[in-house]
Each structure stands twice: as C-alpha cells, then as structure tokens.
C-alpha atoms as a PDB file:
ATOM      1  CA  UNK A   1      -6.700  24.172   5.259  1.00  0.00           C
ATOM      2  CA  UNK A   2      -6.931  20.555   6.415  1.00  0.00           C
ATOM      3  CA  UNK A   3      -8.319  21.773   9.760  1.00  0.00           C
ATOM      4  CA  UNK A   4     -10.997  23.836   7.996  1.00  0.00           C
ATOM      5  CA  UNK A   5     -14.600  22.676   8.322  1.00  0.00           C
ATOM      6  CA  UNK A   6     -15.436  24.450   5.056  1.00  0.00           C
ATOM      7  CA  UNK A   7     -12.751  22.457   3.229  1.00  0.00           C
ATOM      8  CA  UNK A   8     -14.175  19.158   4.501  1.00  0.00           C
ATOM      9  CA  UNK A   9     -17.773  20.163   3.760  1.00  0.00           C
ATOM     10  CA  UNK A  10     -16.724  20.905   0.178  1.00  0.00           C
ATOM     11  CA  UNK A  11     -15.009  17.523   0.008  1.00  0.00           C
ATOM     12  CA  UNK A  12     -18.115  15.795   1.409  1.00  0.00           C
ATOM     13  CA  UNK A  13     -20.237  17.551  -1.216  1.00  0.00           C
ATOM     14  CA  UNK A  14     -17.902  16.106  -3.849  1.00  0.00           C
ATOM     15  CA  UNK A  15     -18.426  12.627  -2.393  1.00  0.00           C
ATOM     16  CA  UNK A  16     -22.195  13.060  -2.638  1.00  0.00           C
ATOM     17  CA  UNK A  17     -21.825  14.309  -6.223  1.00  0.00           C
ATOM     18  CA  UNK A  18     -19.894  11.138  -6.996  1.00  0.00           C
ATOM     19  CA  UNK A  19     -22.730   9.038  -5.595  1.00  0.00           C
ATOM     20  CA  UNK A  20     -25.241  11.043  -7.651  1.00  0.00           C
ATOM     21  CA  UNK A  21     -23.144  10.461 -10.783  1.00  0.00           C
ATOM     22  CA  UNK A  22     -22.990   6.723 -10.007  1.00  0.00           C
ATOM     23  CA  UNK A  23     -26.706   6.396  -9.294  1.00  0.00           C
ATOM     24  CA  UNK A  24     -27.765   8.392 -12.344  1.00  0.00           C
ATOM     25  CA  UNK A  25     -25.631   6.112 -14.510  1.00  0.00           C
ATOM     26  CA  UNK A  26     -27.232   3.078 -12.920  1.00  0.00           C
ATOM     27  CA  UNK A  27     -30.762   4.157 -13.816  1.00  0.00           C
ATOM     28  CA  UNK A  28     -30.052   6.112 -17.006  1.00  0.00           C
ATOM     29  CA  UNK A  29     -26.925   4.619 -18.598  1.00  0.00           C
ATOM     30  CA  UNK A  30     -24.510   7.143 -20.033  1.00  0.00           C
ATOM     31  CA  UNK A  31     -24.221   7.106 -23.820  1.00  0.00           C
ATOM     32  CA  UNK A  32     -20.706   8.402 -24.364  1.00  0.00           C
ATOM     33  CA  UNK A  33     -17.844   5.963 -23.927  1.00  0.00           C
ATOM     34  CA  UNK A  34     -15.937   8.517 -21.869  1.00  0.00           C
ATOM     35  CA  UNK A  35     -18.830   8.954 -19.416  1.00  0.00           C
ATOM     36  CA  UNK A  36     -19.307   5.168 -19.222  1.00  0.00           C
ATOM     37  CA  UNK A  37     -15.641   4.676 -18.314  1.00  0.00           C
ATOM     38  CA  UNK A  38     -15.802   7.435 -15.706  1.00  0.00           C
ATOM     39  CA  UNK A  39     -19.003   5.950 -14.302  1.00  0.00           C
ATOM     40  CA  UNK A  40     -17.477   2.479 -14.025  1.00  0.00           C
ATOM     41  CA  UNK A  41     -14.416   3.921 -12.310  1.00  0.00           C
ATOM     42  CA  UNK A  42     -16.427   5.924  -9.790  1.00  0.00           C
ATOM     43  CA  UNK A  43     -18.793   3.036  -9.099  1.00  0.00           C
ATOM     44  CA  UNK A  44     -15.952   0.568  -8.626  1.00  0.00           C
ATOM     45  CA  UNK A  45     -14.000   2.979  -6.443  1.00  0.00           C
ATOM     46  CA  UNK A  46     -16.944   3.717  -4.179  1.00  0.00           C
ATOM     47  CA  UNK A  47     -18.280   0.162  -4.091  1.00  0.00           C
ATOM     48  CA  UNK A  48     -14.899  -1.243  -3.043  1.00  0.00           C
ATOM     49  CA  UNK A  49     -13.257   1.694  -1.319  1.00  0.00           C
ATOM     50  CA  UNK A  50     -15.900   2.853   1.113  1.00  0.00           C
ATOM     51  CA  UNK A  51     -16.583  -0.551   2.690  1.00  0.00           C
ATOM     52  CA  UNK A  52     -12.836  -1.163   2.992  1.00  0.00           C
ATOM     53  CA  UNK A  53     -12.463   2.202   4.736  1.00  0.00           C
ATOM     54  CA  UNK A  54     -14.639   0.921   7.563  1.00  0.00           C
ATOM     55  CA  UNK A  55     -11.544  -0.815   8.957  1.00  0.00           C
ATOM     56  CA  UNK A  56     -10.035   2.628   9.530  1.00  0.00           C
ATOM     57  CA  UNK A  57     -13.268   4.474  10.279  1.00  0.00           C
ATOM     58  CA  UNK A  58     -14.550   2.249  13.107  1.00  0.00           C
ATOM     59  CA  UNK A  59     -11.783   3.056  15.600  1.00  0.00           C
ATOM     60  CA  UNK A  60     -11.975   6.760  14.679  1.00  0.00           C
ATOM     61  CA  UNK A  61     -15.758   6.832  15.089  1.00  0.00           C
ATOM     62  CA  UNK A  62     -15.670   4.885  18.354  1.00  0.00           C
ATOM     63  CA  UNK A  63     -12.993   7.157  19.833  1.00  0.00           C
ATOM     64  CA  UNK A  64     -15.045  10.213  18.841  1.00  0.00           C
ATOM     65  CA  UNK A  65     -18.211   8.757  20.391  1.00  0.00           C
ATOM     66  CA  UNK A  66     -20.119   7.916  17.198  1.00  0.00           C
ATOM     67  CA  UNK A  67     -22.301   4.812  17.128  1.00  0.00           C
ATOM     68  CA  UNK A  68     -21.343   1.935  14.846  1.00  0.00           C
ATOM     69  CA  UNK A  69     -24.404   2.597  12.686  1.00  0.00           C
ATOM     70  CA  UNK A  70     -23.609   6.266  12.237  1.00  0.00           C
ATOM     71  CA  UNK A  71     -19.983   5.430  11.464  1.00  0.00           C
ATOM     72  CA  UNK A  72     -21.053   2.959   8.763  1.00  0.00           C
ATOM     73  CA  UNK A  73     -23.571   5.356   7.224  1.00  0.00           C
ATOM     74  CA  UNK A  74     -21.228   8.333   7.125  1.00  0.00           C
ATOM     75  CA  UNK A  75     -18.295   6.283   5.855  1.00  0.00           C
ATOM     76  CA  UNK A  76     -20.348   4.727   3.058  1.00  0.00           C
ATOM     77  CA  UNK A  77     -21.742   8.140   2.068  1.00  0.00           C
ATOM     78  CA  UNK A  78     -18.638  10.282   2.512  1.00  0.00           C
ATOM     79  CA  UNK A  79     -15.641   7.937   2.810  1.00  0.00           C
ATOM     80  CA  UNK A  80     -12.426   9.495   4.046  1.00  0.00           C
ATOM     81  CA  UNK A  81     -13.977  12.960   3.808  1.00  0.00           C
ATOM     82  CA  UNK A  82     -15.878  12.080   6.984  1.00  0.00           C
ATOM     83  CA  UNK A  83     -13.539   9.996   9.120  1.00  0.00           C
ATOM     84  CA  UNK A  84     -10.316  11.937   8.437  1.00  0.00           C
ATOM     85  CA  UNK A  85     -11.718  15.245   9.774  1.00  0.00           C
ATOM     86  CA  UNK A  86     -13.237  13.343  12.711  1.00  0.00           C
ATOM     87  CA  UNK A  87      -9.786  11.931  13.483  1.00  0.00           C
ATOM     88  CA  UNK A  88      -8.371  15.479  13.254  1.00  0.00           C
ATOM     89  CA  UNK A  89     -11.120  16.692  15.613  1.00  0.00           C
ATOM     90  CA  UNK A  90     -12.514  19.036  12.966  1.00  0.00           C
ATOM     91  CA  UNK A  91     -15.899  17.322  13.420  1.00  0.00           C
ATOM     92  CA  UNK A  92     -16.995  16.115  16.826  1.00  0.00           C
ATOM     93  CA  UNK A  93     -19.915  14.129  18.190  1.00  0.00           C
ATOM     94  CA  UNK A  94     -22.526  16.425  19.697  1.00  0.00           C
ATOM     95  CA  UNK A  95     -23.697  15.784  23.203  1.00  0.00           C
END
C-alpha cells in the first residue's frame, strides 16, 4: 500500500482538507469548543510541522530533481504526504 499512488493521493487530499479546515476557522471562527480545539491543533501542527519538514524534504526533492521552490510549495501544502512518496520513488519529477 505504501507504494501505491492512490494511497498517497488520498493522503494528500487529507492534507488539503486540513488546510481548508484551518483556513475556514481563520475567517469564520468555529463556535463549538470541540471544533475550536481541533482547529487550534490542526493550525499549530501545520504551522510548525510543515516548515520543520523542509529539513527532510529538501534533500529528497533535490535528489528527485525538484526545484527548491517546488519542494517548499509541495511540502507546505502536503507535508510528509508529498516528500515520503517522492523518497520512495512513487512520485517522480517529469522531464
């Protein structure tokens, strides 16, 4: 399963859903305490985790032929759901 493109695309969709949840909460604050706690957790996790992942993602992206800019963008958007499958050669740079 970990070598499956479909698996990683589903995971990447989950990462985007997390960003949507975080952004919606930023512009339209959640009313329930449970949703507020979840929102804070997701926002904190993404805001701290994704930039920290760049330490791991840069060598993976460079080895696979991705530009620094593309590596940053994809890591911030998708986190490990992008650079792990790249490191496993599930996703490859075109060209």
